[in-house]
Amino acid sequence: MIKKFLNFISILLIFSCSIEIPFDITTEYNNIEIPNTMGMYVEKLIESPTNTQNQNINFTSLTLNYIITNNTILSGEINIYISLKTNADNQKSNSTKIISVNIPANQIITGATSNDILISAIKQKQFVIGLENASLSISGTSYKINFTYNINAKGRYKLY
């Protein structure tokens, strides 16, 4: 009887080590203003949330949903890149373009992008976001485009 109980406990422990819980999480929307970089490539180092680096978390997809709003009378071209580099050196090499949008004056564009590099980037402690905003601009004007986004993450969390 005790042997059967111990076998049952060992089987239960083996199953509990291999149980995975699926998740589907969407963040709240965030908003940033994209300045006119006059077509120059600029980068910023981003710190990943520490819980995304947990070995028990396995992302199956990561989708960046976005709304780009141009409330000006000028058109713009927005390119956004992700790089697995851990320093922002303003060099486009080894960067992957994840968004490329031509936005006319006074328009709103919505879209979504999903790329394996997003999963790789979020699993690191740091990664780099690059930006090009080649917009038509009148000298001396403050030209910015609003970029509103959220992230949808799907995957599995492994219980140990």
N, C-alpha and C. Protein backbone atom coordinates (compact mmCIF):
# COMPACT_ATOMS: atom_id res chain seq x y z
N MET A 1 0.82 -1.19 0.00
CA MET A 1 0.00 0.00 0.00
C MET A 1 0.87 1.26 0.00
N ILE A 2 1.89 1.28 0.83
CA ILE A 2 2.79 2.44 0.88
C ILE A 2 3.54 2.58 -0.44
N LYS A 3 3.92 1.46 -1.03
CA LYS A 3 4.63 1.51 -2.31
C LYS A 3 3.75 2.12 -3.40
N LYS A 4 2.46 1.76 -3.44
CA LYS A 4 1.54 2.34 -4.42
C LYS A 4 1.39 3.84 -4.18
N PHE A 5 1.32 4.23 -2.91
CA PHE A 5 1.19 5.64 -2.58
C PHE A 5 2.43 6.41 -3.04
N LEU A 6 3.62 5.86 -2.80
CA LEU A 6 4.86 6.51 -3.22
C LEU A 6 4.94 6.59 -4.74
N ASN A 7 4.50 5.55 -5.43
CA ASN A 7 4.46 5.59 -6.90
C ASN A 7 3.51 6.69 -7.38
N PHE A 8 2.36 6.78 -6.72
CA PHE A 8 1.40 7.82 -7.08
C PHE A 8 2.01 9.22 -6.88
N ILE A 9 2.67 9.41 -5.76
CA ILE A 9 3.31 10.71 -5.46
C ILE A 9 4.39 11.01 -6.49
N SER A 10 5.20 10.02 -6.86
CA SER A 10 6.26 10.27 -7.85
C SER A 10 5.67 10.60 -9.22
N ILE A 11 4.59 9.93 -9.60
CA ILE A 11 3.92 10.26 -10.87
C ILE A 11 3.34 11.66 -10.81
N LEU A 12 2.74 12.01 -9.69
CA LEU A 12 2.19 13.35 -9.52
C LEU A 12 3.28 14.41 -9.62
N LEU A 13 4.43 14.17 -9.03
CA LEU A 13 5.55 15.11 -9.11
C LEU A 13 6.06 15.25 -10.54
N ILE A 14 6.13 14.15 -11.27
CA ILE A 14 6.58 14.21 -12.66
C ILE A 14 5.61 15.04 -13.49
N PHE A 15 4.31 14.81 -13.31
CA PHE A 15 3.32 15.60 -14.06
C PHE A 15 3.35 17.07 -13.67
N SER A 16 3.54 17.35 -12.39
CA SER A 16 3.54 18.75 -11.97
C SER A 16 4.75 19.48 -12.53
N CYS A 17 5.83 18.78 -12.80
CA CYS A 17 7.01 19.42 -13.38
C CYS A 17 6.82 19.72 -14.86
N SER A 18 5.89 19.05 -15.49
CA SER A 18 5.72 19.27 -16.92
C SER A 18 4.42 20.00 -17.27
N ILE A 19 3.74 20.52 -16.28
CA ILE A 19 2.50 21.24 -16.54
C ILE A 19 2.83 22.63 -17.07
N GLU A 20 2.17 22.98 -18.16
CA GLU A 20 2.33 24.31 -18.74
C GLU A 20 0.97 24.99 -18.80
N ILE A 21 0.96 26.25 -18.41
CA ILE A 21 -0.27 27.03 -18.43
C ILE A 21 -0.18 28.01 -19.59
N PRO A 22 -1.14 27.97 -20.52
CA PRO A 22 -1.11 28.94 -21.63
C PRO A 22 -1.49 30.33 -21.13
N PHE A 23 -0.95 31.35 -21.79
CA PHE A 23 -1.35 32.72 -21.48
C PHE A 23 -1.53 33.52 -22.76
N ASP A 24 -2.38 34.52 -22.67
CA ASP A 24 -2.67 35.45 -23.76
C ASP A 24 -2.91 36.79 -23.09
N ILE A 25 -1.90 37.64 -23.07
CA ILE A 25 -1.92 38.90 -22.32
C ILE A 25 -1.76 40.06 -23.29
N THR A 26 -2.55 41.10 -23.09
CA THR A 26 -2.41 42.32 -23.88
C THR A 26 -2.19 43.49 -22.93
N THR A 27 -1.15 44.27 -23.19
CA THR A 27 -0.86 45.42 -22.35
C THR A 27 -1.83 46.56 -22.66
N GLU A 28 -1.84 47.55 -21.79
CA GLU A 28 -2.61 48.75 -22.06
C GLU A 28 -1.89 49.54 -23.15
N TYR A 29 -2.62 50.45 -23.79
CA TYR A 29 -2.01 51.29 -24.82
C TYR A 29 -1.07 52.31 -24.19
N ASN A 30 0.04 52.55 -24.85
CA ASN A 30 1.00 53.58 -24.47
C ASN A 30 1.14 54.53 -25.65
N ASN A 31 1.55 55.75 -25.37
CA ASN A 31 1.69 56.74 -26.44
C ASN A 31 3.06 57.41 -26.35
N ILE A 32 3.71 57.55 -27.49
CA ILE A 32 4.96 58.31 -27.57
C ILE A 32 4.87 59.25 -28.77
N GLU A 33 5.58 60.34 -28.68
CA GLU A 33 5.67 61.26 -29.82
C GLU A 33 6.95 60.95 -30.57
N ILE A 34 6.83 60.79 -31.87
CA ILE A 34 8.00 60.52 -32.71
C ILE A 34 8.45 61.84 -33.31
N PRO A 35 9.64 62.31 -32.92
CA PRO A 35 10.12 63.57 -33.48
C PRO A 35 10.58 63.39 -34.92
N ASN A 36 10.70 64.48 -35.64
CA ASN A 36 11.22 64.45 -37.00
C ASN A 36 12.74 64.32 -36.91
N THR A 37 13.27 63.19 -37.33
CA THR A 37 14.72 62.97 -37.31
C THR A 37 15.36 63.40 -38.63
N MET A 38 14.58 64.03 -39.49
CA MET A 38 15.04 64.48 -40.81
C MET A 38 15.62 63.32 -41.62
N GLY A 39 15.09 62.11 -41.38
CA GLY A 39 15.54 60.94 -42.10
C GLY A 39 16.77 60.26 -41.51
N MET A 40 17.35 60.86 -40.47
CA MET A 40 18.52 60.25 -39.83
C MET A 40 18.06 59.09 -38.94
N TYR A 41 18.92 58.09 -38.81
CA TYR A 41 18.63 56.92 -37.99
C TYR A 41 19.10 57.20 -36.57
N VAL A 42 18.21 57.06 -35.59
CA VAL A 42 18.57 57.24 -34.18
C VAL A 42 18.12 56.02 -33.40
N GLU A 43 18.80 55.74 -32.30
CA GLU A 43 18.50 54.56 -31.49
C GLU A 43 18.34 54.93 -30.02
N LYS A 44 17.63 54.04 -29.32
CA LYS A 44 17.50 54.16 -27.88
C LYS A 44 17.57 52.77 -27.27
N LEU A 45 18.31 52.65 -26.16
CA LEU A 45 18.44 51.39 -25.44
C LEU A 45 17.20 51.21 -24.56
N ILE A 46 16.60 50.03 -24.61
CA ILE A 46 15.39 49.71 -23.86
C ILE A 46 15.70 48.60 -22.86
N GLU A 47 15.24 48.77 -21.63
CA GLU A 47 15.36 47.73 -20.60
C GLU A 47 14.12 46.83 -20.70
N SER A 48 14.33 45.54 -20.82
CA SER A 48 13.20 44.60 -20.85
C SER A 48 12.66 44.40 -19.44
N PRO A 49 11.36 44.15 -19.30
CA PRO A 49 10.83 43.81 -17.98
C PRO A 49 11.51 42.54 -17.48
N THR A 50 11.89 42.51 -16.21
CA THR A 50 12.67 41.38 -15.69
C THR A 50 11.90 40.06 -15.76
N ASN A 51 10.57 40.10 -15.61
CA ASN A 51 9.83 38.84 -15.64
C ASN A 51 9.79 38.19 -17.02
N THR A 52 10.10 38.92 -18.08
CA THR A 52 10.11 38.31 -19.42
C THR A 52 11.32 37.41 -19.63
N GLN A 53 12.33 37.56 -18.77
CA GLN A 53 13.54 36.76 -18.91
C GLN A 53 13.48 35.46 -18.13
N ASN A 54 12.37 35.21 -17.45
CA ASN A 54 12.16 33.99 -16.69
C ASN A 54 12.23 32.79 -17.63
N GLN A 55 13.03 31.80 -17.26
CA GLN A 55 13.21 30.61 -18.10
C GLN A 55 11.93 29.78 -18.23
N ASN A 56 10.98 29.99 -17.30
CA ASN A 56 9.73 29.23 -17.34
C ASN A 56 8.74 29.81 -18.34
N ILE A 57 9.03 30.99 -18.87
CA ILE A 57 8.12 31.63 -19.83
C ILE A 57 8.59 31.34 -21.24
N ASN A 58 7.69 30.79 -22.04
CA ASN A 58 7.98 30.51 -23.45
C ASN A 58 6.97 31.28 -24.30
N PHE A 59 7.44 32.33 -24.98
CA PHE A 59 6.56 33.10 -25.86
C PHE A 59 6.39 32.36 -27.18
N THR A 60 5.14 32.21 -27.62
CA THR A 60 4.89 31.63 -28.94
C THR A 60 4.64 32.72 -29.97
N SER A 61 4.13 33.87 -29.51
CA SER A 61 3.99 35.02 -30.41
C SER A 61 3.98 36.30 -29.59
N LEU A 62 4.49 37.33 -30.21
CA LEU A 62 4.52 38.67 -29.62
C LEU A 62 4.12 39.62 -30.75
N THR A 63 3.01 40.31 -30.57
CA THR A 63 2.49 41.19 -31.62
C THR A 63 2.45 42.62 -31.12
N LEU A 64 3.01 43.52 -31.90
CA LEU A 64 2.98 44.94 -31.60
C LEU A 64 1.85 45.55 -32.43
N ASN A 65 0.79 45.99 -31.75
CA ASN A 65 -0.34 46.66 -32.40
C ASN A 65 -0.10 48.16 -32.30
N TYR A 66 -0.33 48.88 -33.37
CA TYR A 66 -0.01 50.31 -33.33
C TYR A 66 -1.04 51.16 -34.06
N ILE A 67 -1.10 52.41 -33.61
CA ILE A 67 -1.91 53.45 -34.25
C ILE A 67 -0.98 54.64 -34.45
N ILE A 68 -0.79 55.05 -35.68
CA ILE A 68 0.07 56.20 -35.98
C ILE A 68 -0.84 57.34 -36.42
N THR A 69 -0.74 58.46 -35.71
CA THR A 69 -1.61 59.60 -35.96
C THR A 69 -0.78 60.79 -36.42
N ASN A 70 -1.13 61.32 -37.56
CA ASN A 70 -0.47 62.51 -38.10
C ASN A 70 -1.51 63.62 -38.14
N ASN A 71 -1.44 64.55 -37.18
CA ASN A 71 -2.40 65.65 -37.10
C ASN A 71 -1.86 66.93 -37.73
N THR A 72 -0.88 66.80 -38.59
CA THR A 72 -0.29 67.98 -39.21
C THR A 72 -0.68 68.04 -40.69
N ILE A 73 -0.30 69.11 -41.33
CA ILE A 73 -0.59 69.27 -42.76
C ILE A 73 0.54 68.72 -43.63
N LEU A 74 1.48 68.01 -43.00
CA LEU A 74 2.65 67.48 -43.71
C LEU A 74 2.65 65.96 -43.66
N SER A 75 3.13 65.32 -44.71
CA SER A 75 3.19 63.86 -44.73
C SER A 75 4.48 63.39 -44.07
N GLY A 76 4.53 62.10 -43.74
CA GLY A 76 5.71 61.56 -43.10
C GLY A 76 5.96 60.11 -43.47
N GLU A 77 7.18 59.68 -43.29
CA GLU A 77 7.56 58.28 -43.51
C GLU A 77 8.25 57.81 -42.23
N ILE A 78 7.67 56.81 -41.60
CA ILE A 78 8.16 56.29 -40.32
C ILE A 78 8.72 54.89 -40.54
N ASN A 79 9.94 54.65 -40.06
CA ASN A 79 10.55 53.31 -40.05
C ASN A 79 11.01 53.03 -38.64
N ILE A 80 10.60 51.87 -38.10
CA ILE A 80 11.00 51.48 -36.75
C ILE A 80 11.73 50.14 -36.85
N TYR A 81 12.84 50.05 -36.12
CA TYR A 81 13.74 48.89 -36.16
C TYR A 81 13.92 48.32 -34.76
N ILE A 82 14.26 47.04 -34.69
CA ILE A 82 14.65 46.38 -33.45
C ILE A 82 16.02 45.75 -33.68
N SER A 83 16.87 45.85 -32.66
CA SER A 83 18.19 45.23 -32.73
C SER A 83 18.48 44.52 -31.42
N LEU A 84 19.18 43.41 -31.50
CA LEU A 84 19.57 42.67 -30.31
C LEU A 84 20.85 43.20 -29.69
N LYS A 85 21.35 44.32 -30.22
CA LYS A 85 22.53 44.95 -29.63
C LYS A 85 22.20 45.40 -28.21
N THR A 86 23.22 45.60 -27.41
CA THR A 86 23.00 46.07 -26.04
C THR A 86 23.59 47.46 -25.82
N ASN A 87 23.86 48.16 -26.92
CA ASN A 87 24.27 49.56 -26.82
C ASN A 87 23.69 50.32 -28.01
N ALA A 88 23.26 51.55 -27.73
CA ALA A 88 22.68 52.38 -28.79
C ALA A 88 23.80 53.18 -29.44
N ASP A 89 24.21 52.76 -30.63
CA ASP A 89 25.33 53.42 -31.32
C ASP A 89 24.88 54.15 -32.59
N ASN A 90 23.57 54.23 -32.81
CA ASN A 90 23.00 54.90 -33.99
C ASN A 90 23.50 54.32 -35.31
N GLN A 91 23.84 53.04 -35.31
CA GLN A 91 24.25 52.33 -36.53
C GLN A 91 23.15 51.33 -36.89
N LYS A 92 22.67 51.39 -38.11
CA LYS A 92 21.55 50.56 -38.55
C LYS A 92 21.94 49.10 -38.80
N SER A 93 23.23 48.82 -38.90
CA SER A 93 23.64 47.43 -39.16
C SER A 93 23.12 46.52 -38.06
N ASN A 94 22.75 45.32 -38.41
CA ASN A 94 22.20 44.32 -37.49
C ASN A 94 20.86 44.71 -36.90
N SER A 95 20.16 45.66 -37.51
CA SER A 95 18.83 46.05 -37.06
C SER A 95 17.80 45.50 -38.05
N THR A 96 16.65 45.10 -37.53
CA THR A 96 15.58 44.57 -38.36
C THR A 96 14.42 45.55 -38.39
N LYS A 97 14.00 45.93 -39.60
CA LYS A 97 12.87 46.86 -39.74
C LYS A 97 11.59 46.10 -39.43
N ILE A 98 10.82 46.60 -38.45
CA ILE A 98 9.57 45.94 -38.10
C ILE A 98 8.34 46.74 -38.52
N ILE A 99 8.51 48.05 -38.74
CA ILE A 99 7.41 48.89 -39.20
C ILE A 99 7.94 49.86 -40.24
N SER A 100 7.22 49.99 -41.34
CA SER A 100 7.53 50.98 -42.36
C SER A 100 6.20 51.54 -42.86
N VAL A 101 5.96 52.83 -42.59
CA VAL A 101 4.67 53.44 -42.89
C VAL A 101 4.87 54.79 -43.54
N ASN A 102 4.20 55.03 -44.64
CA ASN A 102 4.07 56.37 -45.22
C ASN A 102 2.73 56.90 -44.76
N ILE A 103 2.75 58.01 -44.03
CA ILE A 103 1.50 58.54 -43.49
C ILE A 103 1.21 59.91 -44.06
N PRO A 104 0.10 60.04 -44.78
CA PRO A 104 -0.27 61.34 -45.34
C PRO A 104 -0.68 62.32 -44.24
N ALA A 105 -0.80 63.57 -44.63
CA ALA A 105 -1.22 64.61 -43.70
C ALA A 105 -2.61 64.31 -43.15
N ASN A 106 -2.79 64.62 -41.86
CA ASN A 106 -4.08 64.48 -41.18
C ASN A 106 -4.71 63.09 -41.35
N GLN A 107 -3.90 62.06 -41.17
CA GLN A 107 -4.39 60.69 -41.33
C GLN A 107 -4.05 59.86 -40.09
N ILE A 108 -4.75 58.75 -39.96
CA ILE A 108 -4.49 57.76 -38.91
C ILE A 108 -4.29 56.42 -39.61
N ILE A 109 -3.22 55.73 -39.23
CA ILE A 109 -2.94 54.41 -39.79
C ILE A 109 -2.84 53.43 -38.63
N THR A 110 -3.55 52.30 -38.74
CA THR A 110 -3.45 51.26 -37.73
C THR A 110 -2.81 50.03 -38.37
N GLY A 111 -2.16 49.25 -37.54
CA GLY A 111 -1.52 48.04 -38.05
C GLY A 111 -1.01 47.18 -36.92
N ALA A 112 -0.39 46.10 -37.28
CA ALA A 112 0.20 45.18 -36.32
C ALA A 112 1.40 44.52 -36.98
N THR A 113 2.38 44.19 -36.17
CA THR A 113 3.54 43.49 -36.68
C THR A 113 3.95 42.42 -35.69
N SER A 114 4.35 41.29 -36.22
CA SER A 114 4.83 40.19 -35.40
C SER A 114 6.09 39.66 -36.07
N ASN A 115 7.16 39.58 -35.32
CA ASN A 115 8.45 39.18 -35.87
C ASN A 115 9.20 38.42 -34.79
N ASP A 116 9.90 37.37 -35.16
CA ASP A 116 10.66 36.58 -34.17
C ASP A 116 11.65 37.43 -33.40
N ILE A 117 12.14 38.52 -34.00
CA ILE A 117 13.12 39.35 -33.30
C ILE A 117 12.49 40.02 -32.07
N LEU A 118 11.18 40.24 -32.08
CA LEU A 118 10.51 40.81 -30.91
C LEU A 118 10.63 39.86 -29.71
N ILE A 119 10.44 38.58 -29.95
CA ILE A 119 10.56 37.59 -28.88
C ILE A 119 11.99 37.51 -28.39
N SER A 120 12.95 37.47 -29.31
CA SER A 120 14.36 37.42 -28.91
C SER A 120 14.75 38.66 -28.12
N ALA A 121 14.27 39.82 -28.54
CA ALA A 121 14.62 41.07 -27.86
C ALA A 121 14.07 41.11 -26.44
N ILE A 122 12.82 40.73 -26.26
CA ILE A 122 12.19 40.84 -24.94
C ILE A 122 12.76 39.82 -23.96
N LYS A 123 13.38 38.75 -24.46
CA LYS A 123 14.01 37.76 -23.58
C LYS A 123 15.39 38.22 -23.09
N GLN A 124 15.95 39.26 -23.71
CA GLN A 124 17.23 39.82 -23.26
C GLN A 124 16.98 40.86 -22.17
N LYS A 125 18.04 41.20 -21.43
CA LYS A 125 17.93 42.26 -20.42
C LYS A 125 17.73 43.62 -21.08
N GLN A 126 18.37 43.83 -22.22
CA GLN A 126 18.29 45.09 -22.94
C GLN A 126 18.25 44.81 -24.44
N PHE A 127 17.64 45.74 -25.17
CA PHE A 127 17.67 45.69 -26.62
C PHE A 127 17.56 47.12 -27.13
N VAL A 128 17.71 47.29 -28.43
CA VAL A 128 17.74 48.63 -29.01
C VAL A 128 16.57 48.82 -29.97
N ILE A 129 15.92 49.98 -29.86
CA ILE A 129 14.90 50.39 -30.83
C ILE A 129 15.49 51.50 -31.67
N GLY A 130 15.37 51.36 -32.99
CA GLY A 130 15.85 52.39 -33.91
C GLY A 130 14.68 53.06 -34.61
N LEU A 131 14.90 54.30 -35.06
CA LEU A 131 13.83 55.09 -35.64
C LEU A 131 14.35 55.98 -36.75
N GLU A 132 13.58 56.05 -37.82
CA GLU A 132 13.78 57.04 -38.87
C GLU A 132 12.43 57.71 -39.10
N ASN A 133 12.41 59.02 -39.05
CA ASN A 133 11.20 59.78 -39.39
C ASN A 133 11.60 60.78 -40.45
N ALA A 134 11.41 60.41 -41.69
CA ALA A 134 11.74 61.30 -42.81
C ALA A 134 10.47 62.01 -43.21
N SER A 135 10.21 63.12 -42.57
CA SER A 135 8.96 63.84 -42.80
C SER A 135 9.22 65.14 -43.52
N LEU A 136 8.25 65.53 -44.32
CA LEU A 136 8.31 66.86 -44.90
C LEU A 136 8.11 67.84 -43.76
N SER A 137 8.91 68.86 -43.71
CA SER A 137 8.84 69.77 -42.57
C SER A 137 9.16 71.18 -43.00
N ILE A 138 8.46 72.12 -42.43
CA ILE A 138 8.76 73.53 -42.66
C ILE A 138 9.80 73.93 -41.63
N SER A 139 10.84 74.59 -42.07
CA SER A 139 11.92 74.99 -41.17
C SER A 139 11.37 75.75 -39.97
N GLY A 140 11.83 75.35 -38.78
CA GLY A 140 11.43 76.03 -37.56
C GLY A 140 10.14 75.51 -36.95
N THR A 141 9.48 74.53 -37.59
CA THR A 141 8.25 74.00 -37.01
C THR A 141 8.55 72.78 -36.15
N SER A 142 7.72 72.55 -35.18
CA SER A 142 7.83 71.36 -34.35
C SER A 142 6.92 70.31 -34.95
N TYR A 143 7.49 69.30 -35.58
CA TYR A 143 6.71 68.30 -36.29
C TYR A 143 6.87 66.97 -35.58
N LYS A 144 5.77 66.46 -35.03
CA LYS A 144 5.82 65.17 -34.35
C LYS A 144 4.61 64.34 -34.75
N ILE A 145 4.82 63.04 -34.77
CA ILE A 145 3.75 62.09 -35.07
C ILE A 145 3.50 61.27 -33.81
N ASN A 146 2.24 61.03 -33.48
CA ASN A 146 1.90 60.22 -32.30
C ASN A 146 1.93 58.74 -32.68
N PHE A 147 2.56 57.96 -31.83
CA PHE A 147 2.66 56.51 -32.01
C PHE A 147 2.05 55.88 -30.77
N THR A 148 0.88 55.28 -30.93
CA THR A 148 0.19 54.63 -29.82
C THR A 148 0.29 53.13 -30.05
N TYR A 149 0.65 52.38 -29.01
CA TYR A 149 0.88 50.95 -29.21
C TYR A 149 0.49 50.15 -27.98
N ASN A 150 0.25 48.87 -28.21
CA ASN A 150 0.17 47.89 -27.13
C ASN A 150 0.81 46.61 -27.63
N ILE A 151 1.05 45.70 -26.71
CA ILE A 151 1.71 44.44 -27.06
C ILE A 151 0.82 43.29 -26.62
N ASN A 152 0.63 42.34 -27.52
CA ASN A 152 -0.10 41.11 -27.21
C ASN A 152 0.93 39.98 -27.16
N ALA A 153 0.99 39.31 -26.01
CA ALA A 153 1.93 38.21 -25.82
C ALA A 153 1.16 36.91 -25.60
N LYS A 154 1.54 35.90 -26.35
CA LYS A 154 0.96 34.57 -26.18
C LYS A 154 2.10 33.59 -25.92
N GLY A 155 1.80 32.60 -25.11
CA GLY A 155 2.82 31.60 -24.83
C GLY A 155 2.37 30.64 -23.76
N ARG A 156 3.37 30.05 -23.12
CA ARG A 156 3.11 29.07 -22.08
C ARG A 156 4.05 29.33 -20.91
N TYR A 157 3.48 29.15 -19.71
CA TYR A 157 4.28 29.27 -18.48
C TYR A 157 4.42 27.88 -17.89
N LYS A 158 5.66 27.45 -17.73
CA LYS A 158 5.93 26.10 -17.24
C LYS A 158 6.02 26.12 -15.72
N LEU A 159 5.21 25.30 -15.05
CA LEU A 159 5.25 25.16 -13.59
C LEU A 159 6.31 24.14 -13.22
N TYR A 160 7.06 24.44 -12.20
CA TYR A 160 8.05 23.47 -11.71
C TYR A 160 7.76 23.09 -10.30
